[in-house]
Amino acid sequence: MFYIVKLMRGSKTRVEWVGTLLAAITLFTSLACDVERRKSDAELGLTPEQAAGRRIYDANCDRCHEPYSTRGKKGPGLKAMFKHQYLRLSGLPANDERVTDIIRLGRGEMPGFSQALDQQQLTDLLAYLHTL
């Protein structure tokens, strides 16, 4: 606090310091806005099937994929993945059949989940992925 007051008495006027502070806050918030705050199932309007898929996603996918961002972690971000004709990185069709194959069999560095997820869990997970 003393340092800020001392600087404010220096070469810059208070108006200039306020402007600098506002610019810094704007820069910080613009960098932090790439990923949305996590909303509840109710806020997202998820059906029971989609909510079950979200829990499966949280347990198996979240460590490598951002759900509400196109920016990835180890794997690509999944925001709006079904809203495009093709998947961003692979260029494969963005449809249930192709995405199910990728989840079951894996692709590149992604492991397959055919032994970890049964058909109902895959269906629930796809239902959730369609909400992103």
N, C-alpha and C. Protein backbone atom coordinates (compact mmCIF):
# COMPACT_ATOMS: atom_id res chain seq x y z
N MET A 1 0.83 -1.19 0.00
CA MET A 1 0.00 0.00 0.00
C MET A 1 0.87 1.25 0.00
N PHE A 2 1.88 1.29 0.88
CA PHE A 2 2.78 2.45 0.95
C PHE A 2 3.46 2.67 -0.39
N TYR A 3 3.88 1.56 -1.04
CA TYR A 3 4.57 1.65 -2.32
C TYR A 3 3.66 2.27 -3.38
N ILE A 4 2.39 1.86 -3.40
CA ILE A 4 1.44 2.40 -4.36
C ILE A 4 1.23 3.89 -4.12
N VAL A 5 1.06 4.27 -2.86
CA VAL A 5 0.86 5.68 -2.53
C VAL A 5 2.09 6.48 -2.94
N LYS A 6 3.28 5.95 -2.66
CA LYS A 6 4.51 6.63 -3.01
C LYS A 6 4.59 6.81 -4.52
N LEU A 7 4.24 5.76 -5.29
CA LEU A 7 4.26 5.86 -6.74
C LEU A 7 3.23 6.88 -7.23
N MET A 8 2.09 6.93 -6.58
CA MET A 8 1.04 7.84 -6.99
C MET A 8 1.48 9.29 -6.81
N ARG A 9 2.34 9.54 -5.87
CA ARG A 9 2.85 10.90 -5.65
C ARG A 9 3.98 11.23 -6.62
N GLY A 10 4.45 10.21 -7.35
CA GLY A 10 5.57 10.41 -8.28
C GLY A 10 5.12 11.06 -9.56
N SER A 11 5.63 10.55 -10.66
CA SER A 11 5.44 11.20 -11.95
C SER A 11 4.04 11.02 -12.54
N LYS A 12 3.34 9.97 -12.19
CA LYS A 12 2.00 9.75 -12.76
C LYS A 12 0.93 10.36 -11.85
N THR A 13 -0.10 10.88 -12.47
CA THR A 13 -1.22 11.40 -11.69
C THR A 13 -2.12 10.26 -11.27
N ARG A 14 -3.02 10.53 -10.36
CA ARG A 14 -3.97 9.50 -9.90
C ARG A 14 -4.82 8.98 -11.06
N VAL A 15 -5.21 9.85 -11.95
CA VAL A 15 -6.02 9.45 -13.11
C VAL A 15 -5.25 8.47 -13.98
N GLU A 16 -3.97 8.74 -14.18
CA GLU A 16 -3.14 7.82 -14.99
C GLU A 16 -3.01 6.47 -14.30
N TRP A 17 -2.85 6.46 -12.97
CA TRP A 17 -2.74 5.20 -12.24
C TRP A 17 -4.05 4.41 -12.30
N VAL A 18 -5.17 5.10 -12.18
CA VAL A 18 -6.46 4.42 -12.27
C VAL A 18 -6.62 3.82 -13.67
N GLY A 19 -6.23 4.57 -14.69
CA GLY A 19 -6.29 4.06 -16.06
C GLY A 19 -5.41 2.84 -16.25
N THR A 20 -4.21 2.86 -15.69
CA THR A 20 -3.30 1.73 -15.77
C THR A 20 -3.88 0.52 -15.04
N LEU A 21 -4.44 0.76 -13.87
CA LEU A 21 -5.05 -0.32 -13.09
C LEU A 21 -6.23 -0.93 -13.84
N LEU A 22 -7.08 -0.11 -14.42
CA LEU A 22 -8.21 -0.62 -15.19
C LEU A 22 -7.75 -1.42 -16.40
N ALA A 23 -6.71 -0.97 -17.06
CA ALA A 23 -6.17 -1.71 -18.21
C ALA A 23 -5.65 -3.08 -17.78
N ALA A 24 -4.97 -3.13 -16.63
CA ALA A 24 -4.46 -4.40 -16.12
C ALA A 24 -5.60 -5.35 -15.76
N ILE A 25 -6.63 -4.83 -15.12
CA ILE A 25 -7.79 -5.66 -14.76
C ILE A 25 -8.47 -6.18 -16.02
N THR A 26 -8.63 -5.34 -17.02
CA THR A 26 -9.25 -5.75 -18.28
C THR A 26 -8.44 -6.85 -18.94
N LEU A 27 -7.12 -6.70 -18.97
CA LEU A 27 -6.26 -7.72 -19.57
C LEU A 27 -6.40 -9.04 -18.81
N PHE A 28 -6.35 -8.98 -17.49
CA PHE A 28 -6.45 -10.19 -16.68
C PHE A 28 -7.78 -10.89 -16.90
N THR A 29 -8.89 -10.15 -16.90
CA THR A 29 -10.20 -10.79 -17.06
C THR A 29 -10.38 -11.34 -18.47
N SER A 30 -9.81 -10.70 -19.47
CA SER A 30 -9.93 -11.23 -20.83
C SER A 30 -9.16 -12.53 -20.99
N LEU A 31 -8.04 -12.66 -20.30
CA LEU A 31 -7.28 -13.90 -20.35
C LEU A 31 -7.97 -15.01 -19.57
N ALA A 32 -8.67 -14.67 -18.53
CA ALA A 32 -9.32 -15.66 -17.68
C ALA A 32 -10.68 -16.10 -18.20
N CYS A 33 -11.21 -15.47 -19.24
CA CYS A 33 -12.56 -15.76 -19.70
C CYS A 33 -12.64 -16.85 -20.75
N ASP A 34 -11.54 -17.52 -21.08
CA ASP A 34 -11.57 -18.56 -22.10
C ASP A 34 -12.37 -19.77 -21.65
N VAL A 35 -12.35 -20.07 -20.37
CA VAL A 35 -13.08 -21.21 -19.84
C VAL A 35 -14.19 -20.69 -18.94
N GLU A 36 -15.39 -21.15 -19.19
CA GLU A 36 -16.53 -20.71 -18.40
C GLU A 36 -16.53 -21.35 -17.01
N ARG A 37 -17.21 -20.69 -16.08
CA ARG A 37 -17.41 -21.24 -14.76
C ARG A 37 -18.24 -22.52 -14.91
N ARG A 38 -17.97 -23.50 -14.07
CA ARG A 38 -18.70 -24.76 -14.14
C ARG A 38 -20.12 -24.56 -13.65
N LYS A 39 -21.07 -24.87 -14.50
CA LYS A 39 -22.49 -24.74 -14.16
C LYS A 39 -23.01 -26.08 -13.65
N SER A 40 -24.06 -26.01 -12.86
CA SER A 40 -24.68 -27.24 -12.33
C SER A 40 -25.47 -27.92 -13.44
N ASP A 41 -25.84 -29.18 -13.22
CA ASP A 41 -26.67 -29.92 -14.17
C ASP A 41 -27.98 -29.18 -14.41
N ALA A 42 -28.57 -28.64 -13.34
CA ALA A 42 -29.84 -27.92 -13.46
C ALA A 42 -29.67 -26.65 -14.29
N GLU A 43 -28.58 -25.90 -14.06
CA GLU A 43 -28.34 -24.68 -14.84
C GLU A 43 -28.18 -24.99 -16.33
N LEU A 44 -27.60 -26.15 -16.62
CA LEU A 44 -27.40 -26.56 -18.01
C LEU A 44 -28.66 -27.19 -18.60
N GLY A 45 -29.63 -27.51 -17.74
CA GLY A 45 -30.86 -28.15 -18.21
C GLY A 45 -30.64 -29.57 -18.68
N LEU A 46 -29.72 -30.29 -18.04
CA LEU A 46 -29.39 -31.65 -18.46
C LEU A 46 -30.48 -32.63 -18.07
N THR A 47 -30.74 -33.57 -18.97
CA THR A 47 -31.64 -34.68 -18.68
C THR A 47 -30.90 -35.65 -17.76
N PRO A 48 -31.60 -36.60 -17.15
CA PRO A 48 -30.90 -37.60 -16.32
C PRO A 48 -29.81 -38.35 -17.10
N GLU A 49 -30.07 -38.67 -18.38
CA GLU A 49 -29.08 -39.35 -19.20
C GLU A 49 -27.86 -38.47 -19.43
N GLN A 50 -28.07 -37.20 -19.73
CA GLN A 50 -26.96 -36.26 -19.95
C GLN A 50 -26.17 -36.03 -18.66
N ALA A 51 -26.87 -35.95 -17.53
CA ALA A 51 -26.20 -35.76 -16.23
C ALA A 51 -25.34 -36.98 -15.91
N ALA A 52 -25.84 -38.18 -16.22
CA ALA A 52 -25.04 -39.40 -16.02
C ALA A 52 -23.81 -39.35 -16.92
N GLY A 53 -23.98 -38.89 -18.16
CA GLY A 53 -22.86 -38.75 -19.08
C GLY A 53 -21.84 -37.74 -18.59
N ARG A 54 -22.31 -36.70 -17.94
CA ARG A 54 -21.39 -35.69 -17.39
C ARG A 54 -20.54 -36.29 -16.28
N ARG A 55 -21.12 -37.13 -15.46
CA ARG A 55 -20.35 -37.79 -14.39
C ARG A 55 -19.30 -38.73 -15.00
N ILE A 56 -19.66 -39.43 -16.08
CA ILE A 56 -18.71 -40.30 -16.77
C ILE A 56 -17.59 -39.45 -17.37
N TYR A 57 -17.97 -38.33 -17.97
CA TYR A 57 -16.99 -37.39 -18.54
C TYR A 57 -16.02 -36.92 -17.45
N ASP A 58 -16.58 -36.50 -16.31
CA ASP A 58 -15.74 -36.01 -15.21
C ASP A 58 -14.75 -37.07 -14.75
N ALA A 59 -15.19 -38.32 -14.71
CA ALA A 59 -14.34 -39.40 -14.21
C ALA A 59 -13.30 -39.86 -15.24
N ASN A 60 -13.59 -39.75 -16.52
CA ASN A 60 -12.73 -40.35 -17.53
C ASN A 60 -12.11 -39.39 -18.55
N CYS A 61 -12.75 -38.27 -18.80
CA CYS A 61 -12.34 -37.43 -19.93
C CYS A 61 -11.76 -36.08 -19.52
N ASP A 62 -12.24 -35.55 -18.40
CA ASP A 62 -11.91 -34.18 -18.00
C ASP A 62 -10.42 -33.94 -17.80
N ARG A 63 -9.68 -34.94 -17.43
CA ARG A 63 -8.26 -34.72 -17.18
C ARG A 63 -7.48 -34.39 -18.46
N CYS A 64 -8.06 -34.72 -19.62
CA CYS A 64 -7.37 -34.44 -20.89
C CYS A 64 -8.13 -33.49 -21.81
N HIS A 65 -9.43 -33.30 -21.60
CA HIS A 65 -10.25 -32.49 -22.50
C HIS A 65 -11.04 -31.45 -21.72
N GLU A 66 -10.97 -30.20 -22.18
CA GLU A 66 -11.81 -29.12 -21.62
C GLU A 66 -13.20 -29.26 -22.24
N PRO A 67 -14.26 -29.33 -21.43
CA PRO A 67 -15.58 -29.48 -22.02
C PRO A 67 -16.16 -28.19 -22.60
N TYR A 68 -15.91 -27.06 -21.99
CA TYR A 68 -16.54 -25.81 -22.41
C TYR A 68 -15.56 -24.84 -23.03
N SER A 69 -14.54 -25.37 -23.66
CA SER A 69 -13.54 -24.54 -24.32
C SER A 69 -13.02 -25.30 -25.53
N THR A 70 -12.57 -24.57 -26.54
CA THR A 70 -11.92 -25.21 -27.67
C THR A 70 -10.44 -25.41 -27.39
N ARG A 71 -9.96 -24.82 -26.30
CA ARG A 71 -8.56 -25.00 -25.89
C ARG A 71 -8.46 -26.34 -25.18
N GLY A 72 -7.48 -27.12 -25.51
CA GLY A 72 -7.34 -28.44 -24.93
C GLY A 72 -6.38 -28.50 -23.76
N LYS A 73 -6.31 -29.67 -23.21
CA LYS A 73 -5.30 -29.98 -22.19
C LYS A 73 -4.32 -30.89 -22.92
N LYS A 74 -4.34 -32.20 -22.63
CA LYS A 74 -3.56 -33.15 -23.42
C LYS A 74 -4.23 -33.41 -24.76
N GLY A 75 -5.55 -33.45 -24.75
CA GLY A 75 -6.34 -33.64 -25.97
C GLY A 75 -7.09 -32.37 -26.29
N PRO A 76 -7.79 -32.34 -27.41
CA PRO A 76 -8.48 -31.10 -27.82
C PRO A 76 -9.64 -30.75 -26.90
N GLY A 77 -9.95 -29.45 -26.84
CA GLY A 77 -11.16 -29.01 -26.15
C GLY A 77 -12.37 -29.49 -26.94
N LEU A 78 -13.47 -29.75 -26.25
CA LEU A 78 -14.61 -30.39 -26.90
C LEU A 78 -15.82 -29.48 -27.08
N LYS A 79 -15.68 -28.21 -26.76
CA LYS A 79 -16.80 -27.29 -26.90
C LYS A 79 -17.29 -27.29 -28.35
N ALA A 80 -18.58 -27.48 -28.53
CA ALA A 80 -19.25 -27.44 -29.84
C ALA A 80 -18.75 -28.49 -30.82
N MET A 81 -18.23 -29.60 -30.32
CA MET A 81 -17.66 -30.60 -31.23
C MET A 81 -18.68 -31.17 -32.21
N PHE A 82 -19.95 -31.29 -31.80
CA PHE A 82 -20.97 -31.84 -32.69
C PHE A 82 -21.65 -30.75 -33.52
N LYS A 83 -21.24 -29.51 -33.34
CA LYS A 83 -21.85 -28.42 -34.10
C LYS A 83 -21.12 -28.17 -35.42
N HIS A 84 -20.09 -28.94 -35.67
CA HIS A 84 -19.32 -28.85 -36.91
C HIS A 84 -19.46 -30.16 -37.67
N GLN A 85 -19.22 -30.11 -38.96
CA GLN A 85 -19.34 -31.31 -39.78
C GLN A 85 -18.20 -32.29 -39.48
N TYR A 86 -17.01 -31.75 -39.17
CA TYR A 86 -15.85 -32.60 -38.94
C TYR A 86 -15.20 -32.26 -37.60
N LEU A 87 -14.54 -33.25 -37.00
CA LEU A 87 -13.79 -33.03 -35.77
C LEU A 87 -12.56 -32.19 -36.10
N ARG A 88 -12.25 -31.25 -35.21
CA ARG A 88 -11.20 -30.26 -35.48
C ARG A 88 -9.84 -30.86 -35.81
N LEU A 89 -9.31 -31.73 -34.98
CA LEU A 89 -7.94 -32.19 -35.19
C LEU A 89 -7.84 -33.34 -36.19
N SER A 90 -8.75 -34.30 -36.12
CA SER A 90 -8.63 -35.48 -36.96
C SER A 90 -9.24 -35.30 -38.33
N GLY A 91 -10.22 -34.41 -38.45
CA GLY A 91 -10.92 -34.25 -39.71
C GLY A 91 -11.96 -35.33 -39.96
N LEU A 92 -12.15 -36.21 -38.99
CA LEU A 92 -13.16 -37.26 -39.11
C LEU A 92 -14.55 -36.65 -38.96
N PRO A 93 -15.57 -37.32 -39.49
CA PRO A 93 -16.94 -36.79 -39.34
C PRO A 93 -17.31 -36.65 -37.87
N ALA A 94 -17.96 -35.55 -37.53
CA ALA A 94 -18.40 -35.30 -36.15
C ALA A 94 -19.79 -35.90 -35.99
N ASN A 95 -19.83 -37.23 -35.87
CA ASN A 95 -21.11 -37.91 -35.67
C ASN A 95 -20.97 -38.95 -34.56
N ASP A 96 -22.11 -39.47 -34.12
CA ASP A 96 -22.11 -40.42 -32.99
C ASP A 96 -21.25 -41.65 -33.27
N GLU A 97 -21.34 -42.18 -34.48
CA GLU A 97 -20.60 -43.40 -34.81
C GLU A 97 -19.10 -43.19 -34.70
N ARG A 98 -18.59 -42.11 -35.30
CA ARG A 98 -17.15 -41.87 -35.29
C ARG A 98 -16.65 -41.53 -33.89
N VAL A 99 -17.39 -40.70 -33.16
CA VAL A 99 -16.96 -40.33 -31.81
C VAL A 99 -17.00 -41.55 -30.89
N THR A 100 -18.01 -42.40 -31.04
CA THR A 100 -18.08 -43.64 -30.25
C THR A 100 -16.86 -44.51 -30.53
N ASP A 101 -16.49 -44.65 -31.80
CA ASP A 101 -15.30 -45.44 -32.15
C ASP A 101 -14.05 -44.88 -31.48
N ILE A 102 -13.91 -43.55 -31.49
CA ILE A 102 -12.73 -42.93 -30.87
C ILE A 102 -12.73 -43.21 -29.37
N ILE A 103 -13.88 -43.11 -28.72
CA ILE A 103 -13.95 -43.35 -27.28
C ILE A 103 -13.64 -44.82 -26.98
N ARG A 104 -14.25 -45.72 -27.74
CA ARG A 104 -14.05 -47.16 -27.50
C ARG A 104 -12.63 -47.62 -27.80
N LEU A 105 -12.10 -47.21 -28.97
CA LEU A 105 -10.83 -47.74 -29.46
C LEU A 105 -9.62 -46.86 -29.17
N GLY A 106 -9.88 -45.58 -28.88
CA GLY A 106 -8.79 -44.63 -28.69
C GLY A 106 -8.30 -44.10 -30.02
N ARG A 107 -7.40 -43.15 -29.96
CA ARG A 107 -6.83 -42.57 -31.19
C ARG A 107 -5.61 -41.77 -30.78
N GLY A 108 -4.50 -41.96 -31.46
CA GLY A 108 -3.27 -41.25 -31.11
C GLY A 108 -2.86 -41.57 -29.68
N GLU A 109 -2.72 -40.54 -28.86
CA GLU A 109 -2.33 -40.74 -27.46
C GLU A 109 -3.51 -41.07 -26.55
N MET A 110 -4.73 -40.96 -27.08
CA MET A 110 -5.91 -41.24 -26.26
C MET A 110 -6.11 -42.74 -26.13
N PRO A 111 -6.25 -43.23 -24.89
CA PRO A 111 -6.51 -44.66 -24.71
C PRO A 111 -7.96 -44.99 -25.05
N GLY A 112 -8.20 -46.23 -25.37
CA GLY A 112 -9.56 -46.70 -25.61
C GLY A 112 -10.25 -47.01 -24.29
N PHE A 113 -11.57 -46.86 -24.27
CA PHE A 113 -12.35 -47.10 -23.06
C PHE A 113 -13.35 -48.25 -23.23
N SER A 114 -13.11 -49.13 -24.20
CA SER A 114 -14.05 -50.23 -24.45
C SER A 114 -14.15 -51.17 -23.25
N GLN A 115 -13.10 -51.31 -22.49
CA GLN A 115 -13.13 -52.18 -21.31
C GLN A 115 -13.67 -51.46 -20.08
N ALA A 116 -13.66 -50.14 -20.10
CA ALA A 116 -14.07 -49.37 -18.92
C ALA A 116 -15.53 -48.93 -18.97
N LEU A 117 -16.09 -48.76 -20.17
CA LEU A 117 -17.45 -48.23 -20.31
C LEU A 117 -18.34 -49.24 -21.03
N ASP A 118 -19.54 -49.47 -20.47
CA ASP A 118 -20.49 -50.33 -21.16
C ASP A 118 -21.32 -49.50 -22.14
N GLN A 119 -22.21 -50.15 -22.89
CA GLN A 119 -22.98 -49.46 -23.93
C GLN A 119 -23.83 -48.33 -23.35
N GLN A 120 -24.48 -48.54 -22.20
CA GLN A 120 -25.29 -47.48 -21.61
C GLN A 120 -24.44 -46.28 -21.22
N GLN A 121 -23.27 -46.52 -20.68
CA GLN A 121 -22.38 -45.43 -20.31
C GLN A 121 -21.92 -44.65 -21.55
N LEU A 122 -21.63 -45.36 -22.63
CA LEU A 122 -21.27 -44.69 -23.88
C LEU A 122 -22.42 -43.83 -24.39
N THR A 123 -23.64 -44.35 -24.32
CA THR A 123 -24.83 -43.61 -24.75
C THR A 123 -25.02 -42.35 -23.91
N ASP A 124 -24.86 -42.50 -22.58
CA ASP A 124 -24.98 -41.35 -21.68
C ASP A 124 -23.90 -40.32 -21.97
N LEU A 125 -22.67 -40.78 -22.17
CA LEU A 125 -21.55 -39.88 -22.46
C LEU A 125 -21.79 -39.12 -23.76
N LEU A 126 -22.25 -39.80 -24.78
CA LEU A 126 -22.55 -39.12 -26.06
C LEU A 126 -23.65 -38.08 -25.87
N ALA A 127 -24.67 -38.42 -25.07
CA ALA A 127 -25.75 -37.47 -24.82
C ALA A 127 -25.20 -36.20 -24.17
N TYR A 128 -24.27 -36.36 -23.25
CA TYR A 128 -23.65 -35.18 -22.63
C TYR A 128 -22.79 -34.41 -23.62
N LEU A 129 -21.99 -35.11 -24.41
CA LEU A 129 -21.12 -34.44 -25.38
C LEU A 129 -21.92 -33.59 -26.36
N HIS A 130 -23.14 -34.00 -26.66
CA HIS A 130 -23.98 -33.21 -27.55
C HIS A 130 -24.44 -31.88 -26.92
N THR A 131 -24.32 -31.76 -25.61
CA THR A 131 -24.71 -30.52 -24.94
C THR A 131 -23.59 -29.48 -24.93
N LEU A 132 -22.38 -29.89 -25.26
CA LEU A 132 -21.24 -28.97 -25.19
C LEU A 132 -21.26 -27.96 -26.32
